[in-house]
Amino acid sequence: MNNENEELIETEHCGSVSSDRKSHHSDKVKKNLTTRLNRIEGQIRGIKGLIEKDTYCDDVITQIAATQSALNSVAKILLEGHMKSCVLERIQEGDLEVLDEVLVTVQKLMKK
């Protein structure tokens, strides 16, 4: 991760009982993620507008790629925070099943 993202990852504790598990992001991380998602939401609306205006397909596809990249960036921030807090904590507690959970999550992220 780049320094911008590293500064925003603040490790906090996650509940270890599966039904009670929640992420516990700092206000700074939540604000960053919310800002990014608001921009992505705007990008999606923009893509819809491009389609409605019959914009050249290649230009629309370029905007879709940019939006996918922005979503991947949000996922990377979340994954890094998850690895540095929840996953680490569960491993330290002896819960190695979390590794399979992370592998499934990474596989989902890598699907194309």
Protein backbone atom coordinates (compact mmCIF):
# COMPACT_ATOMS: atom_id res chain seq x y z
CA MET A 1 0.00 0.00 0.00
CA ASN A 2 1.13 3.51 -0.55
CA ASN A 3 1.79 5.93 2.28
CA GLU A 4 -1.59 7.62 1.82
CA ASN A 5 -3.39 4.38 2.56
CA GLU A 6 -1.01 3.30 5.32
CA GLU A 7 -1.74 6.47 7.23
CA LEU A 8 -5.44 5.70 7.08
CA ILE A 9 -5.20 2.16 8.43
CA GLU A 10 -5.60 2.33 12.15
CA THR A 11 -5.82 -1.10 13.68
CA GLU A 12 -8.62 -1.63 16.13
CA HIS A 13 -10.20 -4.70 17.64
CA CYS A 14 -12.83 -6.84 15.95
CA GLY A 15 -15.30 -9.00 17.80
CA SER A 16 -14.28 -12.64 17.59
CA VAL A 17 -17.70 -14.30 17.85
CA SER A 18 -18.86 -14.71 14.26
CA SER A 19 -22.42 -13.48 14.80
CA ASP A 20 -21.15 -10.45 16.72
CA ARG A 21 -18.20 -9.60 14.48
CA LYS A 22 -18.04 -6.03 13.28
CA SER A 23 -15.32 -3.86 11.92
CA HIS A 24 -14.22 -1.00 14.09
CA HIS A 25 -12.76 1.62 11.82
CA SER A 26 -11.55 4.90 13.17
CA ASP A 27 -13.48 8.03 12.25
CA LYS A 28 -10.60 9.00 9.95
CA VAL A 29 -10.80 5.71 8.03
CA LYS A 30 -14.61 5.88 7.84
CA LYS A 31 -14.44 9.42 6.49
CA ASN A 32 -11.85 8.40 3.88
CA LEU A 33 -13.87 5.39 2.75
CA THR A 34 -17.11 7.37 2.67
CA THR A 35 -15.48 10.12 0.60
CA ARG A 36 -14.14 7.55 -1.86
CA LEU A 37 -17.51 5.80 -2.09
CA ASN A 38 -19.30 9.10 -2.65
CA ARG A 39 -16.94 9.79 -5.56
CA ILE A 40 -17.58 6.31 -6.94
CA GLU A 41 -21.31 6.88 -6.63
CA GLY A 42 -20.87 10.04 -8.70
CA GLN A 43 -18.82 8.12 -11.26
CA ILE A 44 -21.63 5.56 -11.59
CA ARG A 45 -24.18 8.31 -12.15
CA GLY A 46 -21.82 9.82 -14.72
CA ILE A 47 -21.54 6.52 -16.57
CA LYS A 48 -25.31 6.22 -16.64
CA GLY A 49 -25.47 9.72 -18.11
CA LEU A 50 -22.89 8.85 -20.75
CA ILE A 51 -24.96 5.87 -21.83
CA GLU A 52 -28.13 7.95 -21.92
CA LYS A 53 -26.30 10.48 -24.15
CA ASP A 54 -25.09 7.74 -26.51
CA THR A 55 -21.46 8.53 -25.72
CA TYR A 56 -18.86 6.63 -27.73
CA CYS A 57 -18.49 3.14 -26.23
CA ASP A 58 -14.74 3.35 -25.70
CA ASP A 59 -15.18 6.50 -23.60
CA VAL A 60 -17.82 4.79 -21.45
CA ILE A 61 -15.62 1.73 -20.99
CA THR A 62 -12.74 3.98 -19.91
CA GLN A 63 -14.97 5.49 -17.22
CA ILE A 64 -16.09 2.03 -16.12
CA ALA A 65 -12.43 0.98 -15.77
CA ALA A 66 -11.72 4.07 -13.67
CA THR A 67 -14.68 3.26 -11.43
CA GLN A 68 -13.54 -0.35 -11.02
CA SER A 69 -10.09 0.89 -10.07
CA ALA A 70 -11.60 3.21 -7.47
CA LEU A 71 -13.63 0.33 -6.00
CA ASN A 72 -10.51 -1.83 -5.92
CA SER A 73 -8.77 0.93 -3.98
CA VAL A 74 -11.53 0.91 -1.36
CA ALA A 75 -11.31 -2.89 -1.14
CA LYS A 76 -7.52 -2.73 -0.68
CA ILE A 77 -7.85 -0.26 2.19
CA LEU A 78 -10.46 -2.47 3.85
CA LEU A 79 -8.45 -5.64 3.27
CA GLU A 80 -5.27 -4.13 4.68
CA GLY A 81 -7.07 -2.92 7.78
CA HIS A 82 -8.75 -6.30 8.16
CA MET A 83 -5.44 -8.15 7.89
CA LYS A 84 -3.69 -5.85 10.37
CA SER A 85 -6.45 -5.98 12.95
CA CYS A 86 -9.16 -8.65 12.77
CA VAL A 87 -7.10 -11.38 11.11
CA LEU A 88 -4.03 -10.76 13.26
CA GLU A 89 -6.13 -10.74 16.41
CA ARG A 90 -7.88 -13.99 15.52
CA ILE A 91 -4.59 -15.71 14.69
CA GLN A 92 -3.15 -14.56 18.01
CA GLU A 93 -6.21 -16.10 19.67
CA GLY A 94 -5.42 -19.39 17.91
CA ASP A 95 -8.26 -19.14 15.38
CA LEU A 96 -6.54 -20.27 12.19
CA GLU A 97 -9.85 -20.68 10.34
CA VAL A 98 -9.58 -16.96 9.64
CA LEU A 99 -6.90 -17.78 7.04
CA ASP A 100 -9.42 -19.73 4.94
CA GLU A 101 -11.85 -16.84 5.30
CA VAL A 102 -9.24 -14.40 4.02
CA LEU A 103 -8.35 -16.66 1.09
CA VAL A 104 -12.01 -16.81 0.04
CA THR A 105 -12.24 -13.03 0.32
CA VAL A 106 -9.13 -12.53 -1.82
CA GLN A 107 -10.50 -14.97 -4.41
CA LYS A 108 -13.70 -12.91 -4.57
CA LEU A 109 -11.68 -9.74 -5.10
CA MET A 110 -9.65 -11.34 -7.88
CA LYS A 111 -12.64 -12.63 -9.87
CA LYS A 112 -13.02 -11.06 -13.26
